[in-house]
Amino acid sequence: MTAQKSPPMASTRTNSPSAKFWDKNADRYSKSTISNQAAYEKKLEITQSYFTPDMDVLELGCGTGSTAIIHAPFVKHIRAVDISQKMLEIAQDKAEKENITNVTFDQAAIDTFTAADQSYDIIMTHSVLHLLDDKEVTIANIHQMLKPGGYFISSTVCLTGIMKLLQLVVPIGRLFGFMPLVKFFSAKHLEKSITNAGFDIIQSWEPKKSHSAFIVARKI
C-alpha cells in the first residue's frame, strides 16, 4: 500500500503567483536543512503529546511532507494540504519510500480550503500564517473545522520589529517573482488573532533566535 492521494481540489488560487513560486522552489526547499534542529524536535515532541491513535489530523501547508510523515505513526489519519503540486509530488514520493499509508495529500490554497464542520481533532500549520493575505479568515475556518475541544497547533514566523529592510524588499521580490507574499506581525498580535477566533491558548513558546512563535490552542 502507498500513501493516499486525493484528486486536486478545485481552487482558482492553485495557479496563483504563490503556487507558481513554491512550485519553482520545491526542489531547493526539499534539500534545505532545518535551521534549528533542537527547536524543531521539541515542537514535534510537544505536538505528539496531544496525539492519540484514533485522531484525524489536518495539516495546512504541508510543504514536502516531512512533518506529516513523522507524525503519521501516532494518529489514525493525516490529511496534508499544500498549494504547490510540486511540493506534493515530493511529499508523495517520501511517503511511498517510507511506506506511510495513513497520509492523504491534497492540493488546495490554504486560505480557500474548506472541510465539513467539526471534522478534525487537531489542525496544524507550520510556517504558513505569515504567508497568507488574511490569516484571521484562515484561523476562523480552522476553528470551524475542529471538533469541540480540538487543538490548533501552529509555528509561525513573526517579523514585526526586526528585518525592517525585508519589508521594503518583499514587494519588489513579489513583483519579479522571486519572493512570496509575506505579512509582518508580532507574536502578541498572532496570539490575539487566535484568541479572538475562539481559542484558549494552552502554550506559547518563542525559540531563541528563531523569530517565530509556537502556539498550542484549544477550541473553546
C-alpha atoms as a PDB file:
ATOM      1  CA  MET A   1       0.000   0.000   0.000  1.00  0.00           C
ATOM      2  CA  THR A   2       1.076   3.580  -0.624  1.00  0.00           C
ATOM      3  CA  ALA A   3       0.109   6.904   0.841  1.00  0.00           C
ATOM      4  CA  GLN A   4      -3.264   8.030  -0.415  1.00  0.00           C
ATOM      5  CA  LYS A   5      -3.615  10.892  -2.841  1.00  0.00           C
ATOM      6  CA  SER A   6      -6.961  12.542  -3.497  1.00  0.00           C
ATOM      7  CA  PRO A   7      -7.798  14.385  -6.726  1.00  0.00           C
ATOM      8  CA  PRO A   8      -6.663  18.026  -6.653  1.00  0.00           C
ATOM      9  CA  MET A   9      -9.269  20.249  -5.037  1.00  0.00           C
ATOM     10  CA  ALA A  10     -10.865  22.961  -7.149  1.00  0.00           C
ATOM     11  CA  SER A  11      -9.379  26.340  -6.384  1.00  0.00           C
ATOM     12  CA  THR A  12      -8.591  29.292  -8.576  1.00  0.00           C
ATOM     13  CA  ARG A  13      -5.598  30.012  -6.379  1.00  0.00           C
ATOM     14  CA  THR A  14      -3.709  26.799  -7.099  1.00  0.00           C
ATOM     15  CA  ASN A  15      -2.454  28.583 -10.239  1.00  0.00           C
ATOM     16  CA  SER A  16      -1.721  31.805  -8.371  1.00  0.00           C
ATOM     17  CA  PRO A  17       1.672  33.546  -8.184  1.00  0.00           C
ATOM     18  CA  SER A  18       2.190  31.899  -4.768  1.00  0.00           C
ATOM     19  CA  ALA A  19       1.588  28.432  -6.213  1.00  0.00           C
ATOM     20  CA  LYS A  20       3.976  29.133  -9.075  1.00  0.00           C
ATOM     21  CA  PHE A  21       6.603  30.465  -6.676  1.00  0.00           C
ATOM     22  CA  TRP A  22       6.526  27.350  -4.472  1.00  0.00           C
ATOM     23  CA  ASP A  23       6.437  25.027  -7.487  1.00  0.00           C
ATOM     24  CA  LYS A  24       9.553  26.729  -8.803  1.00  0.00           C
ATOM     25  CA  ASN A  25      11.330  26.444  -5.448  1.00  0.00           C
ATOM     26  CA  ALA A  26      10.106  22.985  -4.391  1.00  0.00           C
ATOM     27  CA  ASP A  27      13.324  21.094  -5.181  1.00  0.00           C
ATOM     28  CA  ARG A  28      15.519  23.644  -3.448  1.00  0.00           C
ATOM     29  CA  TYR A  29      13.187  23.728  -0.446  1.00  0.00           C
ATOM     30  CA  SER A  30      13.199  19.937  -0.124  1.00  0.00           C
ATOM     31  CA  LYS A  31      17.015  19.925   0.036  1.00  0.00           C
ATOM     32  CA  SER A  32      17.296  22.735   2.596  1.00  0.00           C
ATOM     33  CA  THR A  33      18.295  21.963   6.173  1.00  0.00           C
ATOM     34  CA  ILE A  34      16.367  22.872   9.312  1.00  0.00           C
ATOM     35  CA  SER A  35      17.975  25.950  10.844  1.00  0.00           C
ATOM     36  CA  ASN A  36      17.238  24.978  14.459  1.00  0.00           C
ATOM     37  CA  GLN A  37      17.021  21.203  14.716  1.00  0.00           C
ATOM     38  CA  ALA A  38      16.657  21.184  18.509  1.00  0.00           C
ATOM     39  CA  ALA A  39      13.675  23.543  18.384  1.00  0.00           C
ATOM     40  CA  TYR A  40      12.079  21.508  15.585  1.00  0.00           C
ATOM     41  CA  GLU A  41      12.409  18.303  17.578  1.00  0.00           C
ATOM     42  CA  LYS A  42      10.894  19.973  20.636  1.00  0.00           C
ATOM     43  CA  LYS A  43       7.919  21.123  18.544  1.00  0.00           C
ATOM     44  CA  LEU A  44       7.469  17.565  17.281  1.00  0.00           C
ATOM     45  CA  GLU A  45       7.593  16.227  20.845  1.00  0.00           C
ATOM     46  CA  ILE A  46       5.075  18.761  22.143  1.00  0.00           C
ATOM     47  CA  THR A  47       2.717  18.124  19.241  1.00  0.00           C
ATOM     48  CA  GLN A  48       2.880  14.367  19.662  1.00  0.00           C
ATOM     49  CA  SER A  49       1.971  14.715  23.348  1.00  0.00           C
ATOM     50  CA  TYR A  50      -1.510  15.770  22.166  1.00  0.00           C
ATOM     51  CA  PHE A  51      -1.945  12.874  19.730  1.00  0.00           C
ATOM     52  CA  THR A  52      -3.944   9.701  20.313  1.00  0.00           C
ATOM     53  CA  PRO A  53      -4.143   6.750  17.888  1.00  0.00           C
ATOM     54  CA  ASP A  54      -7.788   7.472  16.970  1.00  0.00           C
ATOM     55  CA  MET A  55      -7.255  11.077  15.835  1.00  0.00           C
ATOM     56  CA  ASP A  56      -7.973  12.634  12.456  1.00  0.00           C
ATOM     57  CA  VAL A  57      -5.445  15.411  11.803  1.00  0.00           C
ATOM     58  CA  LEU A  58      -5.225  18.143   9.164  1.00  0.00           C
ATOM     59  CA  GLU A  59      -2.007  19.900   8.196  1.00  0.00           C
ATOM     60  CA  LEU A  60      -2.409  23.089   6.180  1.00  0.00           C
ATOM     61  CA  GLY A  61       0.723  23.985   4.249  1.00  0.00           C
ATOM     62  CA  CYS A  62       2.443  20.607   4.462  1.00  0.00           C
ATOM     63  CA  GLY A  63       5.225  21.511   2.010  1.00  0.00           C
ATOM     64  CA  THR A  64       7.227  18.431   1.110  1.00  0.00           C
ATOM     65  CA  GLY A  65       5.524  16.350   3.781  1.00  0.00           C
ATOM     66  CA  SER A  66       8.328  15.773   6.278  1.00  0.00           C
ATOM     67  CA  THR A  67       6.371  16.737   9.400  1.00  0.00           C
ATOM     68  CA  ALA A  68       3.227  14.859   8.390  1.00  0.00           C
ATOM     69  CA  ILE A  69       5.281  11.728   7.725  1.00  0.00           C
ATOM     70  CA  ILE A  70       6.991  11.968  11.126  1.00  0.00           C
ATOM     71  CA  HIS A  71       3.634  12.350  12.904  1.00  0.00           C
ATOM     72  CA  ALA A  72       1.778   9.694  10.911  1.00  0.00           C
ATOM     73  CA  PRO A  73       2.539   6.698  13.190  1.00  0.00           C
ATOM     74  CA  PHE A  74       0.923   8.452  16.165  1.00  0.00           C
ATOM     75  CA  VAL A  75      -2.562   9.107  14.715  1.00  0.00           C
ATOM     76  CA  LYS A  76      -5.278   7.420  12.651  1.00  0.00           C
ATOM     77  CA  HIS A  77      -5.020   9.677   9.611  1.00  0.00           C
ATOM     78  CA  ILE A  78      -3.435  12.924   8.432  1.00  0.00           C
ATOM     79  CA  ARG A  79      -4.786  14.988   5.573  1.00  0.00           C
ATOM     80  CA  ALA A  80      -1.882  17.087   4.317  1.00  0.00           C
ATOM     81  CA  VAL A  81      -2.716  20.083   2.109  1.00  0.00           C
ATOM     82  CA  ASP A  82      -0.470  22.414   0.134  1.00  0.00           C
ATOM     83  CA  ILE A  83      -0.875  24.908  -2.694  1.00  0.00           C
ATOM     84  CA  SER A  84       2.137  23.567  -4.606  1.00  0.00           C
ATOM     85  CA  GLN A  85       1.707  20.472  -6.750  1.00  0.00           C
ATOM     86  CA  LYS A  86       5.495  20.099  -6.994  1.00  0.00           C
ATOM     87  CA  MET A  87       5.791  20.086  -3.195  1.00  0.00           C
ATOM     88  CA  LEU A  88       3.101  17.418  -3.001  1.00  0.00           C
ATOM     89  CA  GLU A  89       4.834  15.227  -5.575  1.00  0.00           C
ATOM     90  CA  ILE A  90       7.966  15.261  -3.428  1.00  0.00           C
ATOM     91  CA  ALA A  91       5.873  14.569  -0.307  1.00  0.00           C
ATOM     92  CA  GLN A  92       4.106  11.652  -2.004  1.00  0.00           C
ATOM     93  CA  ASP A  93       7.436  10.148  -3.030  1.00  0.00           C
ATOM     94  CA  LYS A  94       8.767  10.429   0.534  1.00  0.00           C
ATOM     95  CA  ALA A  95       5.669   8.749   1.963  1.00  0.00           C
ATOM     96  CA  GLU A  96       5.839   5.884  -0.511  1.00  0.00           C
ATOM     97  CA  LYS A  97       9.523   5.278   0.208  1.00  0.00           C
ATOM     98  CA  GLU A  98       8.778   5.116   3.958  1.00  0.00           C
ATOM     99  CA  ASN A  99       5.633   3.001   3.436  1.00  0.00           C
ATOM    100  CA  ILE A 100       3.405   5.580   5.099  1.00  0.00           C
ATOM    101  CA  THR A 101      -0.195   4.593   4.351  1.00  0.00           C
ATOM    102  CA  ASN A 102      -2.249   6.926   6.538  1.00  0.00           C
ATOM    103  CA  VAL A 103      -1.433  10.310   4.976  1.00  0.00           C
ATOM    104  CA  THR A 104      -3.572  11.777   2.183  1.00  0.00           C
ATOM    105  CA  PHE A 105      -2.066  14.593   0.127  1.00  0.00           C
ATOM    106  CA  ASP A 106      -4.337  17.242  -1.425  1.00  0.00           C
ATOM    107  CA  GLN A 107      -3.599  20.334  -3.483  1.00  0.00           C
ATOM    108  CA  ALA A 108      -5.526  23.395  -2.324  1.00  0.00           C
ATOM    109  CA  ALA A 109      -4.957  27.024  -1.468  1.00  0.00           C
ATOM    110  CA  ILE A 110      -4.868  27.261   2.312  1.00  0.00           C
ATOM    111  CA  ASP A 111      -6.899  30.438   2.535  1.00  0.00           C
ATOM    112  CA  THR A 112      -9.749  28.921   0.495  1.00  0.00           C
ATOM    113  CA  PHE A 113      -9.604  25.345   1.820  1.00  0.00           C
ATOM    114  CA  THR A 114     -12.780  24.078   3.471  1.00  0.00           C
ATOM    115  CA  ALA A 115     -13.939  20.842   5.060  1.00  0.00           C
ATOM    116  CA  ALA A 116     -17.030  19.795   6.949  1.00  0.00           C
ATOM    117  CA  ASP A 117     -17.568  21.430  10.325  1.00  0.00           C
ATOM    118  CA  GLN A 118     -16.030  19.598  13.294  1.00  0.00           C
ATOM    119  CA  SER A 119     -14.051  17.210  11.055  1.00  0.00           C
ATOM    120  CA  TYR A 120     -10.676  17.162  12.816  1.00  0.00           C
ATOM    121  CA  ASP A 121      -9.222  16.543  16.263  1.00  0.00           C
ATOM    122  CA  ILE A 122      -6.076  18.586  15.554  1.00  0.00           C
ATOM    123  CA  ILE A 123      -5.201  21.076  12.830  1.00  0.00           C
ATOM    124  CA  MET A 124      -1.576  22.099  12.285  1.00  0.00           C
ATOM    125  CA  THR A 125       0.074  24.936  10.384  1.00  0.00           C
ATOM    126  CA  HIS A 126       3.847  25.278  10.167  1.00  0.00           C
ATOM    127  CA  SER A 127       5.466  28.440   8.778  1.00  0.00           C
ATOM    128  CA  VAL A 128       2.254  29.286   6.951  1.00  0.00           C
ATOM    129  CA  LEU A 129       0.172  32.011   8.595  1.00  0.00           C
ATOM    130  CA  HIS A 130       2.610  34.804   7.744  1.00  0.00           C
ATOM    131  CA  LEU A 131       2.312  33.846   4.065  1.00  0.00           C
ATOM    132  CA  LEU A 132      -1.457  34.424   3.897  1.00  0.00           C
ATOM    133  CA  ASP A 133      -3.196  37.590   2.826  1.00  0.00           C
ATOM    134  CA  ASP A 134      -5.724  37.316   5.678  1.00  0.00           C
ATOM    135  CA  LYS A 135      -4.707  34.941   8.443  1.00  0.00           C
ATOM    136  CA  GLU A 136      -7.803  35.804  10.508  1.00  0.00           C
ATOM    137  CA  VAL A 137     -10.077  34.198   7.906  1.00  0.00           C
ATOM    138  CA  THR A 138      -7.974  31.028   7.931  1.00  0.00           C
ATOM    139  CA  ILE A 139      -7.864  30.856  11.736  1.00  0.00           C
ATOM    140  CA  ALA A 140     -11.654  31.256  11.888  1.00  0.00           C
ATOM    141  CA  ASN A 141     -12.005  28.472   9.324  1.00  0.00           C
ATOM    142  CA  ILE A 142      -9.688  26.253  11.378  1.00  0.00           C
ATOM    143  CA  HIS A 143     -11.866  26.845  14.438  1.00  0.00           C
ATOM    144  CA  GLN A 144     -14.933  25.784  12.462  1.00  0.00           C
ATOM    145  CA  MET A 145     -13.297  22.592  11.139  1.00  0.00           C
ATOM    146  CA  LEU A 146     -12.107  21.459  14.586  1.00  0.00           C
ATOM    147  CA  LYS A 147     -14.160  19.209  16.813  1.00  0.00           C
ATOM    148  CA  PRO A 148     -15.241  20.684  20.184  1.00  0.00           C
ATOM    149  CA  GLY A 149     -12.140  20.789  22.381  1.00  0.00           C
ATOM    150  CA  GLY A 150      -9.879  20.190  19.385  1.00  0.00           C
ATOM    151  CA  TYR A 151      -6.391  21.666  19.140  1.00  0.00           C
ATOM    152  CA  PHE A 152      -4.862  24.182  16.752  1.00  0.00           C
ATOM    153  CA  ILE A 153      -1.064  23.794  16.759  1.00  0.00           C
ATOM    154  CA  SER A 154       0.972  26.341  14.832  1.00  0.00           C
ATOM    155  CA  SER A 155       4.508  27.524  14.293  1.00  0.00           C
ATOM    156  CA  THR A 156       4.615  30.955  12.683  1.00  0.00           C
ATOM    157  CA  VAL A 157       7.325  33.389  11.644  1.00  0.00           C
ATOM    158  CA  CYS A 158       6.736  36.743  13.395  1.00  0.00           C
ATOM    159  CA  LEU A 159       8.776  39.543  11.845  1.00  0.00           C
ATOM    160  CA  THR A 160       7.416  42.814  13.261  1.00  0.00           C
ATOM    161  CA  GLY A 161      10.211  44.933  14.744  1.00  0.00           C
ATOM    162  CA  ILE A 162      13.007  43.009  13.033  1.00  0.00           C
ATOM    163  CA  MET A 163      14.321  42.723   9.492  1.00  0.00           C
ATOM    164  CA  LYS A 164      12.884  46.126   8.590  1.00  0.00           C
ATOM    165  CA  LEU A 165      14.752  46.067   5.300  1.00  0.00           C
ATOM    166  CA  LEU A 166      12.820  42.944   4.382  1.00  0.00           C
ATOM    167  CA  GLN A 167       9.566  44.908   4.474  1.00  0.00           C
ATOM    168  CA  LEU A 168      10.946  47.071   1.671  1.00  0.00           C
ATOM    169  CA  VAL A 169      12.361  44.163  -0.308  1.00  0.00           C
ATOM    170  CA  VAL A 170       9.311  41.871  -0.259  1.00  0.00           C
ATOM    171  CA  PRO A 171       7.079  43.954  -2.588  1.00  0.00           C
ATOM    172  CA  ILE A 172       9.912  44.204  -5.114  1.00  0.00           C
ATOM    173  CA  GLY A 173      10.637  40.498  -4.801  1.00  0.00           C
ATOM    174  CA  ARG A 174       6.983  39.634  -5.358  1.00  0.00           C
ATOM    175  CA  LEU A 175       6.859  41.868  -8.422  1.00  0.00           C
ATOM    176  CA  PHE A 176       9.698  39.951 -10.053  1.00  0.00           C
ATOM    177  CA  GLY A 177       8.556  36.547  -8.801  1.00  0.00           C
ATOM    178  CA  PHE A 178      11.480  35.646  -6.543  1.00  0.00           C
ATOM    179  CA  MET A 179       9.712  36.169  -3.201  1.00  0.00           C
ATOM    180  CA  PRO A 180       6.307  35.076  -1.879  1.00  0.00           C
ATOM    181  CA  LEU A 181       3.752  37.216  -0.087  1.00  0.00           C
ATOM    182  CA  VAL A 182       4.978  37.881   3.475  1.00  0.00           C
ATOM    183  CA  LYS A 183       2.947  39.528   6.217  1.00  0.00           C
ATOM    184  CA  PHE A 184       4.607  41.235   9.194  1.00  0.00           C
ATOM    185  CA  PHE A 185       3.129  40.875  12.685  1.00  0.00           C
ATOM    186  CA  SER A 186       4.270  40.151  16.231  1.00  0.00           C
ATOM    187  CA  ALA A 187       3.747  37.041  18.351  1.00  0.00           C
ATOM    188  CA  LYS A 188       1.406  39.007  20.614  1.00  0.00           C
ATOM    189  CA  HIS A 189      -0.661  40.089  17.618  1.00  0.00           C
ATOM    190  CA  LEU A 190      -0.840  36.457  16.469  1.00  0.00           C
ATOM    191  CA  GLU A 191      -1.952  35.301  19.913  1.00  0.00           C
ATOM    192  CA  LYS A 192      -4.729  37.901  19.872  1.00  0.00           C
ATOM    193  CA  SER A 193      -5.870  36.731  16.442  1.00  0.00           C
ATOM    194  CA  ILE A 194      -6.075  33.167  17.751  1.00  0.00           C
ATOM    195  CA  THR A 195      -7.962  34.011  20.950  1.00  0.00           C
ATOM    196  CA  ASN A 196     -10.337  36.311  19.063  1.00  0.00           C
ATOM    197  CA  ALA A 197     -11.291  33.337  16.883  1.00  0.00           C
ATOM    198  CA  GLY A 198     -12.492  31.402  19.930  1.00  0.00           C
ATOM    199  CA  PHE A 199      -9.399  29.578  21.134  1.00  0.00           C
ATOM    200  CA  ASP A 200      -7.795  29.273  24.548  1.00  0.00           C
ATOM    201  CA  ILE A 201      -4.002  29.350  24.280  1.00  0.00           C
ATOM    202  CA  ILE A 202      -2.540  26.404  26.196  1.00  0.00           C
ATOM    203  CA  GLN A 203       1.100  27.001  25.379  1.00  0.00           C
ATOM    204  CA  SER A 204       3.121  29.685  23.614  1.00  0.00           C
ATOM    205  CA  TRP A 205       6.846  29.380  23.040  1.00  0.00           C
ATOM    206  CA  GLU A 206       9.289  31.548  21.093  1.00  0.00           C
ATOM    207  CA  PRO A 207      12.517  29.622  20.424  1.00  0.00           C
ATOM    208  CA  LYS A 208      15.608  31.792  20.754  1.00  0.00           C
ATOM    209  CA  LYS A 209      16.861  33.437  17.567  1.00  0.00           C
ATOM    210  CA  SER A 210      14.055  31.883  15.511  1.00  0.00           C
ATOM    211  CA  HIS A 211      11.756  34.901  15.105  1.00  0.00           C
ATOM    212  CA  SER A 212       8.836  32.510  15.400  1.00  0.00           C
ATOM    213  CA  ALA A 213       6.041  31.576  17.784  1.00  0.00           C
ATOM    214  CA  PHE A 214       4.959  28.012  18.515  1.00  0.00           C
ATOM    215  CA  ILE A 215       1.407  28.023  19.863  1.00  0.00           C
ATOM    216  CA  VAL A 216      -0.915  25.288  21.086  1.00  0.00           C
ATOM    217  CA  ALA A 217      -4.520  26.482  21.332  1.00  0.00           C
ATOM    218  CA  ARG A 218      -7.717  24.648  22.280  1.00  0.00           C
ATOM    219  CA  LYS A 219     -11.107  25.290  20.731  1.00  0.00           C
ATOM    220  CA  ILE A 220     -13.427  26.704  23.368  1.00  0.00           C
END
